[in-house]
Amino acid sequence: FPGVDHNSWTPAFNLPHFMDWLFSQ
């Protein structure tokens, strides 16, 4: 994530397919 400091979990969790990807594995 460009310009993002340590809290990169915030934009990661907000990705639209975050949960879809996880539970498809």
PDB file of all heavy atoms in Angstrom:
ATOM      1  N   PHE A   1       0.834  -1.197   0.000  1.00  0.00           N
ATOM      2  CA  PHE A   1       0.000   0.000   0.000  1.00  0.00           C
ATOM      3  C   PHE A   1       0.872   1.251   0.000  1.00  0.00           C
ATOM      4  O   PHE A   1       1.591   1.512   0.973  1.00  0.00           O
ATOM      5  CB  PHE A   1      -0.924   0.006   1.217  1.00  0.00           C
ATOM      6  CG  PHE A   1      -1.870  -1.162   1.276  1.00  0.00           C
ATOM      7  CD1 PHE A   1      -1.680  -2.179   2.204  1.00  0.00           C
ATOM      8  CD2 PHE A   1      -2.934  -1.255   0.394  1.00  0.00           C
ATOM      9  CE1 PHE A   1      -2.547  -3.255   2.271  1.00  0.00           C
ATOM     10  CE2 PHE A   1      -3.809  -2.337   0.442  1.00  0.00           C
ATOM     11  CZ  PHE A   1      -3.616  -3.339   1.384  1.00  0.00           C
ATOM     12  N   PRO A   2       0.822   2.058  -1.057  1.00  0.00           N
ATOM     13  CA  PRO A   2       1.645   3.267  -1.138  1.00  0.00           C
ATOM     14  C   PRO A   2       1.264   4.284  -0.055  1.00  0.00           C
ATOM     15  O   PRO A   2       0.082   4.562   0.161  1.00  0.00           O
ATOM     16  CB  PRO A   2       1.337   3.820  -2.536  1.00  0.00           C
ATOM     17  CG  PRO A   2       0.774   2.665  -3.300  1.00  0.00           C
ATOM     18  CD  PRO A   2       0.055   1.840  -2.287  1.00  0.00           C
ATOM     19  N   GLY A   3       2.286   4.823   0.619  1.00  0.00           N
ATOM     20  CA  GLY A   3       2.066   5.861   1.604  1.00  0.00           C
ATOM     21  C   GLY A   3       1.483   5.405   2.922  1.00  0.00           C
ATOM     22  O   GLY A   3       1.235   6.227   3.812  1.00  0.00           O
ATOM     23  N   VAL A   4       1.256   4.112   3.086  1.00  0.00           N
ATOM     24  CA  VAL A   4       0.653   3.595   4.319  1.00  0.00           C
ATOM     25  C   VAL A   4       1.749   3.222   5.308  1.00  0.00           C
ATOM     26  O   VAL A   4       2.716   2.546   4.960  1.00  0.00           O
ATOM     27  CB  VAL A   4      -0.241   2.375   4.031  1.00  0.00           C
ATOM     28  CG1 VAL A   4      -0.743   1.744   5.318  1.00  0.00           C
ATOM     29  CG2 VAL A   4      -1.415   2.789   3.150  1.00  0.00           C
ATOM     30  N   ASP A   5       1.566   3.662   6.552  1.00  0.00           N
ATOM     31  CA  ASP A   5       2.529   3.364   7.611  1.00  0.00           C
ATOM     32  C   ASP A   5       2.242   1.967   8.178  1.00  0.00           C
ATOM     33  O   ASP A   5       1.848   1.076   7.442  1.00  0.00           O
ATOM     34  CB  ASP A   5       2.459   4.460   8.679  1.00  0.00           C
ATOM     35  CG  ASP A   5       3.662   4.452   9.631  1.00  0.00           C
ATOM     36  OD1 ASP A   5       4.482   3.517   9.583  1.00  0.00           O
ATOM     37  OD2 ASP A   5       3.768   5.396  10.437  1.00  0.00           O
ATOM     38  N   HIS A   6       2.345   1.805   9.477  1.00  0.00           N
ATOM     39  CA  HIS A   6       2.303   0.463  10.058  1.00  0.00           C
ATOM     40  C   HIS A   6       0.919  -0.177  10.027  1.00  0.00           C
ATOM     41  O   HIS A   6       0.826  -1.405  10.057  1.00  0.00           O
ATOM     42  CB  HIS A   6       2.823   0.531  11.498  1.00  0.00           C
ATOM     43  CG  HIS A   6       3.041  -0.810  12.127  1.00  0.00           C
ATOM     44  ND1 HIS A   6       3.778  -1.798  11.510  1.00  0.00           N
ATOM     45  CD2 HIS A   6       2.614  -1.330  13.312  1.00  0.00           C
ATOM     46  CE1 HIS A   6       3.804  -2.875  12.294  1.00  0.00           C
ATOM     47  NE2 HIS A   6       3.112  -2.610  13.381  1.00  0.00           N
ATOM     48  N   ASN A   7      -0.125   0.608  10.003  1.00  0.00           N
ATOM     49  CA  ASN A   7      -1.474   0.024  10.097  1.00  0.00           C
ATOM     50  C   ASN A   7      -1.988  -0.458   8.742  1.00  0.00           C
ATOM     51  O   ASN A   7      -3.124  -0.183   8.352  1.00  0.00           O
ATOM     52  CB  ASN A   7      -2.451   1.042  10.702  1.00  0.00           C
ATOM     53  CG  ASN A   7      -2.681   2.241   9.795  1.00  0.00           C
ATOM     54  OD1 ASN A   7      -1.787   2.615   9.035  1.00  0.00           O
ATOM     55  ND2 ASN A   7      -3.855   2.839   9.869  1.00  0.00           N
ATOM     56  N   SER A   8      -1.180  -1.225   8.048  1.00  0.00           N
ATOM     57  CA  SER A   8      -1.587  -1.722   6.729  1.00  0.00           C
ATOM     58  C   SER A   8      -2.724  -2.727   6.817  1.00  0.00           C
ATOM     59  O   SER A   8      -3.315  -3.083   5.787  1.00  0.00           O
ATOM     60  CB  SER A   8      -0.387  -2.344   6.005  1.00  0.00           C
ATOM     61  OG  SER A   8       0.294  -3.264   6.828  1.00  0.00           O
ATOM     62  N   TRP A   9      -3.057  -3.188   8.025  1.00  0.00           N
ATOM     63  CA  TRP A   9      -4.194  -4.090   8.170  1.00  0.00           C
ATOM     64  C   TRP A   9      -5.512  -3.375   7.840  1.00  0.00           C
ATOM     65  O   TRP A   9      -6.457  -4.013   7.385  1.00  0.00           O
ATOM     66  CB  TRP A   9      -4.253  -4.681   9.577  1.00  0.00           C
ATOM     67  CG  TRP A   9      -4.190  -3.676  10.686  1.00  0.00           C
ATOM     68  CD1 TRP A   9      -5.218  -2.951  11.212  1.00  0.00           C
ATOM     69  CD2 TRP A   9      -3.011  -3.269  11.394  1.00  0.00           C
ATOM     70  NE1 TRP A   9      -4.779  -2.129  12.216  1.00  0.00           N
ATOM     71  CE2 TRP A   9      -3.416  -2.309  12.361  1.00  0.00           C
ATOM     72  CE3 TRP A   9      -1.662  -3.641  11.336  1.00  0.00           C
ATOM     73  CZ2 TRP A   9      -2.519  -1.699  13.244  1.00  0.00           C
ATOM     74  CZ3 TRP A   9      -0.767  -3.041  12.214  1.00  0.00           C
ATOM     75  CH2 TRP A   9      -1.189  -2.076  13.158  1.00  0.00           C
ATOM     76  N   THR A  10      -5.563  -2.060   8.039  1.00  0.00           N
ATOM     77  CA  THR A  10      -6.815  -1.340   7.764  1.00  0.00           C
ATOM     78  C   THR A  10      -7.174  -1.398   6.283  1.00  0.00           C
ATOM     79  O   THR A  10      -8.288  -1.828   5.930  1.00  0.00           O
ATOM     80  CB  THR A  10      -6.726   0.120   8.250  1.00  0.00           C
ATOM     81  OG1 THR A  10      -6.519   0.129   9.660  1.00  0.00           O
ATOM     82  CG2 THR A  10      -8.014   0.870   7.933  1.00  0.00           C
ATOM     83  N   PRO A  11      -6.291  -0.999   5.360  1.00  0.00           N
ATOM     84  CA  PRO A  11      -6.657  -1.149   3.942  1.00  0.00           C
ATOM     85  C   PRO A  11      -6.773  -2.604   3.510  1.00  0.00           C
ATOM     86  O   PRO A  11      -7.573  -2.931   2.623  1.00  0.00           O
ATOM     87  CB  PRO A  11      -5.528  -0.429   3.198  1.00  0.00           C
ATOM     88  CG  PRO A  11      -4.376  -0.413   4.142  1.00  0.00           C
ATOM     89  CD  PRO A  11      -4.990  -0.315   5.512  1.00  0.00           C
ATOM     90  N   ALA A  12      -6.001  -3.494   4.135  1.00  0.00           N
ATOM     91  CA  ALA A  12      -6.094  -4.914   3.767  1.00  0.00           C
ATOM     92  C   ALA A  12      -7.469  -5.473   4.111  1.00  0.00           C
ATOM     93  O   ALA A  12      -8.120  -6.125   3.282  1.00  0.00           O
ATOM     94  CB  ALA A  12      -5.002  -5.712   4.484  1.00  0.00           C
ATOM     95  N   PHE A  13      -7.927  -5.201   5.337  1.00  0.00           N
ATOM     96  CA  PHE A  13      -9.235  -5.714   5.753  1.00  0.00           C
ATOM     97  C   PHE A  13     -10.372  -5.127   4.932  1.00  0.00           C
ATOM     98  O   PHE A  13     -11.447  -5.732   4.840  1.00  0.00           O
ATOM     99  CB  PHE A  13      -9.479  -5.408   7.238  1.00  0.00           C
ATOM    100  CG  PHE A  13      -8.563  -6.149   8.185  1.00  0.00           C
ATOM    101  CD1 PHE A  13      -8.353  -5.678   9.473  1.00  0.00           C
ATOM    102  CD2 PHE A  13      -7.921  -7.312   7.803  1.00  0.00           C
ATOM    103  CE1 PHE A  13      -7.522  -6.353  10.353  1.00  0.00           C
ATOM    104  CE2 PHE A  13      -7.082  -7.994   8.674  1.00  0.00           C
ATOM    105  CZ  PHE A  13      -6.881  -7.511   9.956  1.00  0.00           C
ATOM    106  N   ASN A  14     -10.156  -3.952   4.355  1.00  0.00           N
ATOM    107  CA  ASN A  14     -11.203  -3.290   3.590  1.00  0.00           C
ATOM    108  C   ASN A  14     -11.210  -3.666   2.110  1.00  0.00           C
ATOM    109  O   ASN A  14     -12.065  -3.179   1.354  1.00  0.00           O
ATOM    110  CB  ASN A  14     -11.079  -1.768   3.728  1.00  0.00           C
ATOM    111  CG  ASN A  14     -11.623  -1.278   5.061  1.00  0.00           C
ATOM    112  OD1 ASN A  14     -12.773  -1.521   5.404  1.00  0.00           O
ATOM    113  ND2 ASN A  14     -10.795  -0.592   5.817  1.00  0.00           N
ATOM    114  N   LEU A  15     -10.292  -4.513   1.693  1.00  0.00           N
ATOM    115  CA  LEU A  15     -10.316  -4.979   0.312  1.00  0.00           C
ATOM    116  C   LEU A  15     -11.586  -5.805   0.082  1.00  0.00           C
ATOM    117  O   LEU A  15     -11.947  -6.646   0.909  1.00  0.00           O
ATOM    118  CB  LEU A  15      -9.077  -5.823   0.006  1.00  0.00           C
ATOM    119  CG  LEU A  15      -7.755  -5.049  -0.063  1.00  0.00           C
ATOM    120  CD1 LEU A  15      -6.592  -6.016  -0.166  1.00  0.00           C
ATOM    121  CD2 LEU A  15      -7.740  -4.082  -1.240  1.00  0.00           C
ATOM    122  N   PRO A  16     -12.272  -5.603  -1.030  1.00  0.00           N
ATOM    123  CA  PRO A  16     -13.578  -6.240  -1.235  1.00  0.00           C
ATOM    124  C   PRO A  16     -13.536  -7.757  -1.274  1.00  0.00           C
ATOM    125  O   PRO A  16     -14.537  -8.412  -0.952  1.00  0.00           O
ATOM    126  CB  PRO A  16     -14.054  -5.656  -2.573  1.00  0.00           C
ATOM    127  CG  PRO A  16     -12.819  -5.155  -3.252  1.00  0.00           C
ATOM    128  CD  PRO A  16     -11.910  -4.700  -2.152  1.00  0.00           C
ATOM    129  N   HIS A  17     -12.399  -8.329  -1.667  1.00  0.00           N
ATOM    130  CA  HIS A  17     -12.350  -9.784  -1.802  1.00  0.00           C
ATOM    131  C   HIS A  17     -11.477 -10.440  -0.723  1.00  0.00           C
ATOM    132  O   HIS A  17     -11.071 -11.598  -0.888  1.00  0.00           O
ATOM    133  CB  HIS A  17     -11.837 -10.160  -3.192  1.00  0.00           C
ATOM    134  CG  HIS A  17     -12.672  -9.613  -4.311  1.00  0.00           C
ATOM    135  ND1 HIS A  17     -13.998  -9.945  -4.474  1.00  0.00           N
ATOM    136  CD2 HIS A  17     -12.382  -8.733  -5.305  1.00  0.00           C
ATOM    137  CE1 HIS A  17     -14.480  -9.317  -5.529  1.00  0.00           C
ATOM    138  NE2 HIS A  17     -13.528  -8.569  -6.047  1.00  0.00           N
ATOM    139  N   PHE A  18     -11.211  -9.719   0.350  1.00  0.00           N
ATOM    140  CA  PHE A  18     -10.334 -10.249   1.399  1.00  0.00           C
ATOM    141  C   PHE A  18     -10.884 -11.562   1.960  1.00  0.00           C
ATOM    142  O   PHE A  18     -10.179 -12.572   2.021  1.00  0.00           O
ATOM    143  CB  PHE A  18     -10.183  -9.217   2.521  1.00  0.00           C
ATOM    144  CG  PHE A  18      -9.217  -9.614   3.607  1.00  0.00           C
ATOM    145  CD1 PHE A  18      -7.880  -9.269   3.516  1.00  0.00           C
ATOM    146  CD2 PHE A  18      -9.638 -10.337   4.714  1.00  0.00           C
ATOM    147  CE1 PHE A  18      -6.979  -9.630   4.509  1.00  0.00           C
ATOM    148  CE2 PHE A  18      -8.751 -10.712   5.708  1.00  0.00           C
ATOM    149  CZ  PHE A  18      -7.411 -10.350   5.606  1.00  0.00           C
ATOM    150  N   MET A  19     -12.140 -11.558   2.372  1.00  0.00           N
ATOM    151  CA  MET A  19     -12.733 -12.754   2.970  1.00  0.00           C
ATOM    152  C   MET A  19     -13.001 -13.830   1.917  1.00  0.00           C
ATOM    153  O   MET A  19     -12.840 -15.021   2.189  1.00  0.00           O
ATOM    154  CB  MET A  19     -14.020 -12.381   3.698  1.00  0.00           C
ATOM    155  CG  MET A  19     -13.826 -11.425   4.860  1.00  0.00           C
ATOM    156  SD  MET A  19     -13.077 -12.212   6.307  1.00  0.00           S
ATOM    157  CE  MET A  19     -14.520 -12.871   7.118  1.00  0.00           C
ATOM    158  N   ASP A  20     -13.414 -13.405   0.724  1.00  0.00           N
ATOM    159  CA  ASP A  20     -13.650 -14.386  -0.343  1.00  0.00           C
ATOM    160  C   ASP A  20     -12.388 -15.188  -0.633  1.00  0.00           C
ATOM    161  O   ASP A  20     -12.438 -16.416  -0.789  1.00  0.00           O
ATOM    162  CB  ASP A  20     -14.102 -13.678  -1.629  1.00  0.00           C
ATOM    163  CG  ASP A  20     -15.557 -13.249  -1.577  1.00  0.00           C
ATOM    164  OD1 ASP A  20     -16.324 -13.858  -0.818  1.00  0.00           O
ATOM    165  OD2 ASP A  20     -15.912 -12.312  -2.297  1.00  0.00           O
ATOM    166  N   TRP A  21     -11.253 -14.484  -0.724  1.00  0.00           N
ATOM    167  CA  TRP A  21      -9.999 -15.185  -1.012  1.00  0.00           C
ATOM    168  C   TRP A  21      -9.678 -16.176   0.095  1.00  0.00           C
ATOM    169  O   TRP A  21      -9.343 -17.341  -0.182  1.00  0.00           O
ATOM    170  CB  TRP A  21      -8.848 -14.181  -1.145  1.00  0.00           C
ATOM    171  CG  TRP A  21      -7.551 -14.872  -1.451  1.00  0.00           C
ATOM    172  CD1 TRP A  21      -7.049 -15.188  -2.681  1.00  0.00           C
ATOM    173  CD2 TRP A  21      -6.604 -15.379  -0.496  1.00  0.00           C
ATOM    174  NE1 TRP A  21      -5.848 -15.864  -2.547  1.00  0.00           N
ATOM    175  CE2 TRP A  21      -5.558 -15.992  -1.226  1.00  0.00           C
ATOM    176  CE3 TRP A  21      -6.545 -15.381   0.902  1.00  0.00           C
ATOM    177  CZ2 TRP A  21      -4.466 -16.600  -0.599  1.00  0.00           C
ATOM    178  CZ3 TRP A  21      -5.453 -15.988   1.530  1.00  0.00           C
ATOM    179  CH2 TRP A  21      -4.425 -16.579   0.774  1.00  0.00           C
ATOM    180  N   LEU A  22      -9.793 -15.735   1.351  1.00  0.00           N
ATOM    181  CA  LEU A  22      -9.440 -16.609   2.469  1.00  0.00           C
ATOM    182  C   LEU A  22     -10.252 -17.889   2.458  1.00  0.00           C
ATOM    183  O   LEU A  22      -9.696 -19.003   2.476  1.00  0.00           O
ATOM    184  CB  LEU A  22      -9.657 -15.856   3.788  1.00  0.00           C
ATOM    185  CG  LEU A  22      -9.364 -16.660   5.054  1.00  0.00           C
ATOM    186  CD1 LEU A  22      -7.884 -17.014   5.148  1.00  0.00           C
ATOM    187  CD2 LEU A  22      -9.801 -15.880   6.299  1.00  0.00           C
ATOM    188  N   PHE A  23     -11.565 -17.755   2.385  1.00  0.00           N
ATOM    189  CA  PHE A  23     -12.418 -18.932   2.544  1.00  0.00           C
ATOM    190  C   PHE A  23     -12.529 -19.771   1.269  1.00  0.00           C
ATOM    191  O   PHE A  23     -13.117 -20.849   1.293  1.00  0.00           O
ATOM    192  CB  PHE A  23     -13.804 -18.518   3.049  1.00  0.00           C
ATOM    193  CG  PHE A  23     -13.799 -18.146   4.501  1.00  0.00           C
ATOM    194  CD1 PHE A  23     -13.787 -16.821   4.899  1.00  0.00           C
ATOM    195  CD2 PHE A  23     -13.781 -19.129   5.477  1.00  0.00           C
ATOM    196  CE1 PHE A  23     -13.762 -16.472   6.245  1.00  0.00           C
ATOM    197  CE2 PHE A  23     -13.770 -18.813   6.813  1.00  0.00           C
ATOM    198  CZ  PHE A  23     -13.752 -17.475   7.211  1.00  0.00           C
ATOM    199  N   SER A  24     -11.946 -19.295   0.186  1.00  0.00           N
ATOM    200  CA  SER A  24     -11.914 -20.108  -1.036  1.00  0.00           C
ATOM    201  C   SER A  24     -10.740 -21.058  -1.068  1.00  0.00           C
ATOM    202  O   SER A  24     -10.662 -21.943  -1.926  1.00  0.00           O
ATOM    203  CB  SER A  24     -11.871 -19.209  -2.273  1.00  0.00           C
ATOM    204  OG  SER A  24     -10.614 -18.530  -2.358  1.00  0.00           O
ATOM    205  N   GLN A  25      -9.804 -20.904  -0.114  1.00  0.00           N
ATOM    206  CA  GLN A  25      -8.593 -21.727  -0.115  1.00  0.00           C
ATOM    207  C   GLN A  25      -8.851 -23.077   0.555  1.00  0.00           C
ATOM    208  O   GLN A  25      -9.511 -23.157   1.588  1.00  0.00           O
ATOM    209  CB  GLN A  25      -7.453 -21.001   0.596  1.00  0.00           C
ATOM    210  CG  GLN A  25      -7.134 -19.634   0.041  1.00  0.00           C
ATOM    211  CD  GLN A  25      -6.836 -19.660  -1.442  1.00  0.00           C
ATOM    212  OE1 GLN A  25      -6.096 -20.513  -1.925  1.00  0.00           O
ATOM    213  NE2 GLN A  25      -7.418 -18.708  -2.162  1.00  0.00           N
TER     214      GLN A  25
END
